Amino acid sequence: METLIAGITSITIPQLVMMLIGAILMYLGIKKEYEPTLLVPMGLGTILVNFPGTGVLTQVVNGVEQEGVFDVLFNIGIGTELFPLLIFIGIGAMIDFGPLLQNPFMLLFGAAAQFGIFFVVVVAVLAGFDIKEAASIGIIGAADGPTSIFVANQLAPKLLGPITVAAYSYMALVPIIQPFAIKLVTTKKERQIRMTYKAESVSKMTKILFPIVITIVAGLIAPISLPLVGFLMFGNLLRECGVLDRLSQTAQNELVNIVSILLGLTISVKMQADLFLNVQTLLIIVFGLVAFIMDSIGGVVFAKILNIFRKEKINPMIGAAGISAFPMSSRVIQKMATDEDPQNFILMYAVGANVSGQIASVIAGGLLLAFFS
């Protein structure tokens, strides 16, 4: 009984608050199905790391330092950037770049929808963050969890916890956030614009060459982004080459599942009460939301500008699909289109912009690292 009482009284109020946050993350993952592969293990991990005197974190026992299992995993998987890179192999194997190759023009929307990243970098600096912290906060707008982790771990490792929570939370909230952002800057008539889709076959050789060419171009434009781009494109090459189907399926399933479990648990090292509960965390979450909204708005506004000069108008909602949240964003755009006009089908254009956003967000992360690391 004395041991039980001592254990209970050793827990502080901030630690209890973090345990509650961990429970909320698990609730969102299980009940709401918001990014459950990450939020569920992260939620449980948050509870574990906020119990004092456990073996999950490094502690000193009888004058001897004993390394905790979470610290070991963190040093191996996140400290070395291994976990985010392995996840990118799986993501690359899942993506079909066919819709983008049929309409290469969609690459422009992937680039335009990164506006919010650089916008928030400026805002965060004005709010008092240093430039490396600001860059790490801005990348939340890419709606790309692994890229956010990769960039934040190099530029601002102390902010890794709140940045990861914000990045994955906003990815899960795409169906709520994007319609709001899009409707801010479009009219009903613009959302009803129809686009004629012309299906064009893409040769197998083109699909094989595409990841190779993108890797080379990224190496020339932003060499520091090459680990991210290279692993993403390697995964896609597994998918498209036609002779490594078994490896492609492994990357899409077993590899991603295992690494997601380890990543979710490991990232909770940065969810300790003394690291997470502060005004800075609140600002990061707010600025991350601003970055996400401005990314969507940037893509939409770019499409509206193009429409000034085009005879065949683009549905400006396509621009918002240029974020990296694949394929959720393209589905949201199609749903909004059919809500306004049941006969309006723009899904393939939205998918093209969406996969281009996957590439653009990685390159944007590489550019931030190149500028500020």
Protein backbone atom coordinates (compact mmCIF):
# COMPACT_ATOMS: atom_id res chain seq x y z
CA MET A 1 0.00 0.00 0.00
CA GLU A 2 2.83 2.39 0.76
CA THR A 3 4.35 1.66 -2.64
CA LEU A 4 0.99 2.32 -4.33
CA ILE A 5 0.51 5.59 -2.48
CA ALA A 6 4.08 6.66 -3.26
CA GLY A 7 3.51 5.90 -6.94
CA ILE A 8 0.29 7.89 -7.05
CA THR A 9 1.70 10.90 -5.19
CA SER A 10 4.80 11.01 -7.42
CA ILE A 11 2.67 11.87 -10.46
CA THR A 12 2.41 15.63 -11.03
CA ILE A 13 -0.54 17.60 -12.40
CA PRO A 14 1.25 18.32 -15.73
CA GLN A 15 1.91 14.60 -16.12
CA LEU A 16 -1.77 13.86 -15.54
CA VAL A 17 -2.65 16.45 -18.18
CA MET A 18 -0.33 14.72 -20.65
CA MET A 19 -1.90 11.36 -19.85
CA LEU A 20 -5.28 12.91 -20.63
CA ILE A 21 -3.88 14.20 -23.93
CA GLY A 22 -2.64 10.69 -24.66
CA ALA A 23 -6.13 9.31 -23.97
CA ILE A 24 -7.63 11.93 -26.30
CA LEU A 25 -5.21 10.94 -29.07
CA MET A 26 -6.24 7.29 -28.69
CA TYR A 27 -9.92 8.32 -28.71
CA LEU A 28 -9.45 10.26 -31.94
CA GLY A 29 -7.64 7.34 -33.51
CA ILE A 30 -10.06 4.61 -32.39
CA LYS A 31 -13.46 6.32 -32.28
CA LYS A 32 -13.02 8.97 -34.98
CA GLU A 33 -10.49 6.97 -37.05
CA TYR A 34 -8.21 10.01 -37.36
CA GLU A 35 -4.82 8.61 -38.47
CA PRO A 36 -5.19 5.63 -36.11
CA THR A 37 -1.93 3.98 -37.20
CA LEU A 38 -0.03 6.83 -35.56
CA LEU A 39 -2.34 8.43 -33.01
CA VAL A 40 -3.15 5.20 -31.15
CA PRO A 41 0.48 4.17 -30.45
CA MET A 42 1.41 7.81 -29.84
CA GLY A 43 -1.44 8.18 -27.35
CA LEU A 44 -0.43 5.11 -25.37
CA GLY A 45 3.23 6.14 -25.58
CA THR A 46 2.33 9.56 -24.16
CA ILE A 47 0.79 7.87 -21.12
CA LEU A 48 3.83 5.62 -20.67
CA VAL A 49 6.46 8.37 -20.79
CA ASN A 50 4.64 10.48 -18.21
CA PHE A 51 4.80 7.88 -15.47
CA PRO A 52 7.83 8.72 -13.29
CA GLY A 53 10.47 6.11 -12.59
CA THR A 54 9.55 3.63 -15.33
CA GLY A 55 11.97 1.86 -17.63
CA VAL A 56 10.67 3.32 -20.88
CA LEU A 57 12.92 6.38 -20.55
CA THR A 58 16.53 6.68 -19.50
CA GLN A 59 16.91 6.99 -15.74
CA VAL A 60 19.59 6.81 -13.05
CA VAL A 61 19.26 3.83 -10.68
CA ASN A 62 21.70 3.57 -7.76
CA GLY A 63 24.04 5.97 -9.52
CA VAL A 64 24.00 3.98 -12.76
CA GLU A 65 22.34 5.32 -15.89
CA GLN A 66 19.96 2.80 -17.46
CA GLU A 67 18.91 3.60 -21.02
CA GLY A 68 15.17 3.32 -21.60
CA VAL A 69 13.71 1.35 -24.49
CA PHE A 70 11.96 4.42 -25.93
CA ASP A 71 15.22 6.37 -25.91
CA VAL A 72 16.94 3.48 -27.68
CA LEU A 73 14.23 3.41 -30.37
CA PHE A 74 14.32 7.20 -30.67
CA ASN A 75 18.07 7.31 -31.19
CA ILE A 76 17.97 4.50 -33.73
CA GLY A 77 14.80 5.42 -35.62
CA ILE A 78 14.29 9.17 -35.39
CA GLY A 79 17.69 10.47 -34.39
CA THR A 80 19.06 8.84 -37.55
CA GLU A 81 15.91 9.74 -39.61
CA LEU A 82 15.47 6.02 -40.37
CA PHE A 83 11.76 5.66 -39.55
CA PRO A 84 10.49 8.57 -41.71
CA LEU A 85 12.62 7.38 -44.63
CA LEU A 86 11.36 3.81 -44.39
CA ILE A 87 7.77 5.06 -44.35
CA PHE A 88 8.50 6.99 -47.54
CA ILE A 89 9.39 3.74 -49.30
CA GLY A 90 5.92 2.45 -48.44
CA ILE A 91 4.22 5.69 -49.46
CA GLY A 92 6.04 5.65 -52.80
CA ALA A 93 4.92 2.07 -53.40
CA MET A 94 1.30 3.08 -52.74
CA ILE A 95 1.21 6.04 -55.13
CA ASP A 96 0.17 5.77 -58.75
CA PHE A 97 1.64 8.75 -60.60
CA GLY A 98 -0.43 7.89 -63.71
CA PRO A 99 -2.98 10.73 -63.27
CA LEU A 100 -0.11 13.21 -62.93
CA LEU A 101 1.72 11.85 -65.98
CA GLN A 102 -1.50 12.14 -67.98
CA ASN A 103 -1.71 15.82 -66.99
CA PRO A 104 1.81 17.08 -66.15
CA PHE A 105 0.28 20.55 -65.87
CA MET A 106 -0.93 19.48 -62.40
CA LEU A 107 2.66 19.78 -61.12
CA LEU A 108 2.11 23.53 -60.93
CA PHE A 109 -0.63 23.08 -58.36
CA GLY A 110 1.61 20.93 -56.20
CA ALA A 111 4.11 23.78 -56.15
CA ALA A 112 1.51 26.51 -55.57
CA ALA A 113 -0.05 24.65 -52.64
CA GLN A 114 3.19 24.94 -50.65
CA PHE A 115 2.63 28.70 -50.22
CA GLY A 116 1.44 28.31 -46.63
CA ILE A 117 4.75 26.75 -45.56
CA PHE A 118 6.80 29.82 -46.41
CA PHE A 119 4.04 32.21 -45.30
CA VAL A 120 4.07 30.72 -41.79
CA VAL A 121 7.87 30.71 -41.65
CA VAL A 122 7.69 34.51 -41.84
CA VAL A 123 4.79 34.71 -39.36
CA ALA A 124 6.52 32.44 -36.85
CA VAL A 125 9.72 34.52 -37.00
CA LEU A 126 7.70 37.66 -36.34
CA ALA A 127 6.11 35.86 -33.37
CA GLY A 128 9.52 35.29 -31.80
CA PHE A 129 10.62 31.86 -32.98
CA ASP A 130 14.11 31.57 -34.40
CA ILE A 131 14.42 30.81 -38.11
CA LYS A 132 15.05 27.07 -37.66
CA GLU A 133 12.04 26.69 -35.38
CA ALA A 134 9.93 28.76 -37.79
CA ALA A 135 10.92 26.53 -40.72
CA SER A 136 10.00 23.43 -38.71
CA ILE A 137 6.60 24.90 -37.85
CA GLY A 138 5.95 25.97 -41.44
CA ILE A 139 6.44 22.46 -42.81
CA ILE A 140 3.32 21.36 -40.91
CA GLY A 141 1.38 22.99 -43.75
CA ALA A 142 2.67 20.35 -46.15
CA ALA A 143 0.24 17.88 -44.54
CA ASP A 144 3.01 15.30 -44.68
CA GLY A 145 3.84 13.67 -41.35
CA PRO A 146 7.15 11.97 -42.26
CA THR A 147 8.46 15.14 -43.92
CA SER A 148 7.49 17.20 -40.85
CA ILE A 149 9.34 14.76 -38.59
CA PHE A 150 12.38 14.69 -40.88
CA VAL A 151 12.68 18.49 -41.05
CA ALA A 152 11.85 19.19 -37.39
CA ASN A 153 14.31 16.60 -36.11
CA GLN A 154 17.14 18.36 -37.94
CA LEU A 155 16.16 21.97 -37.36
CA ALA A 156 14.28 22.01 -34.04
CA PRO A 157 14.32 18.63 -32.26
CA LYS A 158 12.89 20.14 -29.07
CA LEU A 159 9.67 20.95 -30.95
CA LEU A 160 9.32 17.50 -32.48
CA GLY A 161 6.42 16.43 -30.23
CA PRO A 162 3.95 19.26 -30.88
CA ILE A 163 4.95 19.47 -34.56
CA THR A 164 4.23 15.77 -35.05
CA VAL A 165 0.90 15.96 -33.23
CA ALA A 166 -0.12 19.02 -35.24
CA ALA A 167 0.98 17.54 -38.59
CA TYR A 168 -0.87 14.25 -38.20
CA SER A 169 -3.93 15.86 -36.58
CA TYR A 170 -4.38 18.28 -39.47
CA MET A 171 -3.83 15.48 -41.99
CA ALA A 172 -6.71 13.63 -40.33
CA LEU A 173 -8.86 16.78 -40.31
CA VAL A 174 -8.55 17.45 -44.06
CA PRO A 175 -12.31 16.78 -44.60
CA ILE A 176 -13.11 19.51 -42.08
CA ILE A 177 -10.41 22.09 -42.72
CA GLN A 178 -10.20 22.10 -46.52
CA PRO A 179 -13.87 22.76 -47.34
CA PHE A 180 -13.77 25.73 -44.95
CA ALA A 181 -10.59 27.11 -46.55
CA ILE A 182 -11.82 26.59 -50.11
CA LYS A 183 -15.17 28.25 -49.52
CA LEU A 184 -13.40 31.30 -48.10
CA VAL A 185 -11.92 32.12 -51.51
CA THR A 186 -14.34 30.63 -54.07
CA THR A 187 -17.88 31.25 -55.23
CA LYS A 188 -20.52 28.59 -55.83
CA LYS A 189 -20.21 29.22 -59.57
CA GLU A 190 -16.45 28.59 -59.47
CA ARG A 191 -16.94 25.37 -57.52
CA GLN A 192 -19.37 24.21 -60.22
CA ILE A 193 -16.87 24.55 -63.08
CA ARG A 194 -16.74 21.32 -65.05
CA MET A 195 -13.56 19.97 -66.56
CA THR A 196 -13.53 17.51 -69.43
CA TYR A 197 -11.27 14.61 -68.66
CA LYS A 198 -9.44 12.95 -71.53
CA ALA A 199 -7.96 9.65 -70.50
CA GLU A 200 -4.57 9.11 -72.09
CA SER A 201 -2.54 5.98 -71.68
CA VAL A 202 0.83 6.26 -69.99
CA SER A 203 3.46 3.81 -71.15
CA LYS A 204 5.16 1.49 -68.72
CA MET A 205 8.53 2.96 -69.68
CA THR A 206 7.31 6.45 -68.74
CA LYS A 207 6.17 5.22 -65.33
CA ILE A 208 9.54 3.55 -64.76
CA LEU A 209 11.55 6.57 -65.88
CA PHE A 210 9.49 9.07 -63.88
CA PRO A 211 10.82 8.22 -60.37
CA ILE A 212 14.37 8.08 -61.74
CA VAL A 213 14.07 11.48 -63.43
CA ILE A 214 12.45 13.08 -60.36
CA THR A 215 15.28 11.77 -58.18
CA ILE A 216 17.88 13.28 -60.49
CA VAL A 217 16.07 16.63 -60.72
CA ALA A 218 15.63 16.79 -56.93
CA GLY A 219 19.32 16.05 -56.50
CA LEU A 220 20.13 19.05 -58.68
CA ILE A 221 17.56 21.45 -57.19
CA ALA A 222 17.69 20.51 -53.50
CA PRO A 223 20.38 17.89 -52.81
CA ILE A 224 19.59 17.79 -49.10
CA SER A 225 16.07 16.57 -49.95
CA LEU A 226 17.46 13.55 -51.78
CA PRO A 227 17.03 11.09 -48.87
CA LEU A 228 13.29 11.87 -48.76
CA VAL A 229 12.76 12.09 -52.51
CA GLY A 230 15.04 9.14 -53.21
CA PHE A 231 13.27 6.79 -50.78
CA LEU A 232 9.84 7.94 -52.02
CA MET A 233 10.81 7.35 -55.63
CA PHE A 234 12.49 4.04 -54.80
CA GLY A 235 9.18 2.84 -53.38
CA ASN A 236 7.42 3.95 -56.55
CA LEU A 237 10.03 2.21 -58.69
CA LEU A 238 9.28 -1.02 -56.81
CA ARG A 239 5.65 -0.57 -57.80
CA GLU A 240 6.16 0.30 -61.44
CA CYS A 241 9.11 -1.79 -62.59
CA GLY A 242 6.95 -4.91 -62.82
CA VAL A 243 9.49 -7.41 -61.52
CA LEU A 244 9.42 -6.59 -57.79
CA ASP A 245 5.73 -7.00 -56.96
CA ARG A 246 6.51 -8.98 -53.81
CA LEU A 247 8.80 -6.22 -52.53
CA SER A 248 6.23 -3.60 -53.48
CA GLN A 249 3.51 -5.35 -51.50
CA THR A 250 5.85 -5.75 -48.54
CA ALA A 251 6.67 -2.04 -48.62
CA GLN A 252 2.98 -1.09 -48.79
CA ASN A 253 1.91 -3.39 -45.98
CA GLU A 254 4.39 -5.05 -43.59
CA LEU A 255 7.07 -2.34 -43.78
CA VAL A 256 4.71 0.62 -43.32
CA ASN A 257 2.74 -1.13 -40.57
CA ILE A 258 5.80 -2.08 -38.52
CA VAL A 259 7.50 1.29 -38.86
CA SER A 260 4.25 3.16 -38.08
CA ILE A 261 3.94 1.25 -34.81
CA LEU A 262 7.53 2.03 -33.83
CA LEU A 263 7.29 5.66 -34.98
CA GLY A 264 4.11 6.32 -33.01
CA LEU A 265 5.53 4.87 -29.81
CA THR A 266 8.95 6.47 -30.24
CA ILE A 267 7.77 9.99 -31.01
CA SER A 268 6.11 10.03 -27.57
CA VAL A 269 9.59 10.61 -26.09
CA LYS A 270 8.92 14.26 -26.98
CA MET A 271 5.48 14.17 -25.34
CA GLN A 272 6.77 14.49 -21.79
CA ALA A 273 5.00 17.14 -19.72
CA ASP A 274 8.03 19.40 -19.27
CA LEU A 275 8.64 19.43 -23.03
CA PHE A 276 5.06 19.73 -24.28
CA LEU A 277 3.01 21.83 -21.87
CA ASN A 278 3.92 25.44 -22.64
CA VAL A 279 2.71 28.46 -24.59
CA GLN A 280 5.11 27.58 -27.39
CA THR A 281 3.22 24.34 -28.06
CA LEU A 282 -0.07 26.23 -28.37
CA LEU A 283 1.50 28.65 -30.84
CA ILE A 284 2.90 25.76 -32.88
CA ILE A 285 -0.52 24.15 -33.15
CA VAL A 286 -2.13 27.46 -34.17
CA PHE A 287 0.56 28.33 -36.72
CA GLY A 288 0.40 24.79 -38.10
CA LEU A 289 -3.31 25.27 -38.75
CA VAL A 290 -2.60 28.61 -40.44
CA ALA A 291 0.03 26.96 -42.65
CA PHE A 292 -2.41 24.21 -43.62
CA ILE A 293 -5.19 26.66 -44.48
CA MET A 294 -2.85 28.97 -46.42
CA ASP A 295 -1.50 26.02 -48.42
CA SER A 296 -5.04 25.20 -49.54
CA ILE A 297 -5.85 28.84 -50.25
CA GLY A 298 -2.58 29.32 -52.14
CA GLY A 299 -3.41 26.49 -54.54
CA VAL A 300 -6.95 27.78 -55.09
CA VAL A 301 -5.83 31.36 -55.71
CA PHE A 302 -3.18 30.15 -58.17
CA ALA A 303 -5.87 28.31 -60.15
CA LYS A 304 -8.05 31.42 -60.16
CA ILE A 305 -5.16 33.48 -61.50
CA LEU A 306 -4.60 30.95 -64.28
CA ASN A 307 -8.28 31.14 -65.20
CA ILE A 308 -7.85 34.81 -66.08
CA PHE A 309 -5.68 33.75 -69.02
CA ARG A 310 -7.30 30.42 -69.94
CA LYS A 311 -10.17 29.81 -72.33
CA GLU A 312 -10.96 26.42 -70.76
CA LYS A 313 -11.43 27.22 -67.10
CA ILE A 314 -9.99 25.16 -64.26
CA ASN A 315 -12.13 24.33 -61.26
CA PRO A 316 -10.13 26.27 -58.65
CA MET A 317 -10.75 23.60 -56.02
CA ILE A 318 -8.20 21.50 -57.91
CA GLY A 319 -5.51 23.84 -56.56
CA ALA A 320 -6.30 22.87 -52.96
CA ALA A 321 -5.59 19.22 -53.81
CA GLY A 322 -1.94 20.19 -54.29
CA ILE A 323 -1.22 19.51 -50.62
CA SER A 324 0.43 16.23 -49.67
CA ALA A 325 -2.51 14.55 -47.87
CA PHE A 326 -2.94 11.76 -50.43
CA PRO A 327 -5.54 10.54 -51.34
CA MET A 328 -7.79 12.20 -48.77
CA SER A 329 -7.57 15.69 -50.24
CA SER A 330 -8.53 14.62 -53.76
CA ARG A 331 -11.54 12.76 -52.36
CA VAL A 332 -12.62 15.86 -50.44
CA ILE A 333 -12.38 17.97 -53.58
CA GLN A 334 -14.49 15.51 -55.57
CA LYS A 335 -17.11 15.40 -52.83
CA MET A 336 -17.32 19.19 -52.77
CA ALA A 337 -17.70 19.21 -56.57
CA THR A 338 -20.57 16.71 -56.53
CA ASP A 339 -22.23 18.56 -53.65
CA GLU A 340 -22.37 21.65 -55.85
CA ASP A 341 -23.17 19.73 -59.08
CA PRO A 342 -23.96 15.97 -58.94
CA GLN A 343 -22.70 15.57 -62.53
CA ASN A 344 -19.33 17.22 -61.97
CA PHE A 345 -16.43 14.75 -61.92
CA ILE A 346 -12.98 16.25 -61.36
CA LEU A 347 -11.46 13.43 -59.33
CA MET A 348 -8.68 12.49 -61.76
CA TYR A 349 -7.49 16.10 -62.00
CA ALA A 350 -7.59 16.34 -58.21
CA VAL A 351 -5.59 13.10 -57.87
CA GLY A 352 -2.99 14.45 -60.31
CA ALA A 353 -2.60 17.60 -58.24
CA ASN A 354 -2.57 15.55 -55.04
CA VAL A 355 0.31 13.27 -56.04
CA SER A 356 2.23 16.27 -57.34
CA GLY A 357 1.79 17.76 -53.87
CA GLN A 358 3.48 14.69 -52.41
CA ILE A 359 6.58 15.45 -54.48
CA ALA A 360 6.40 19.21 -53.94
CA SER A 361 6.10 18.93 -50.15
CA VAL A 362 9.21 16.78 -49.96
CA ILE A 363 11.16 19.21 -52.12
CA ALA A 364 9.85 22.13 -50.02
CA GLY A 365 11.14 20.36 -46.91
CA GLY A 366 14.48 19.88 -48.63
CA LEU A 367 14.66 23.56 -49.53
CA LEU A 368 14.03 24.54 -45.91
CA LEU A 369 16.82 22.24 -44.80
CA ALA A 370 19.10 23.64 -47.51
CA PHE A 371 18.40 27.23 -46.44
CA PHE A 372 18.44 26.86 -42.67
CA SER A 373 20.22 23.67 -41.54
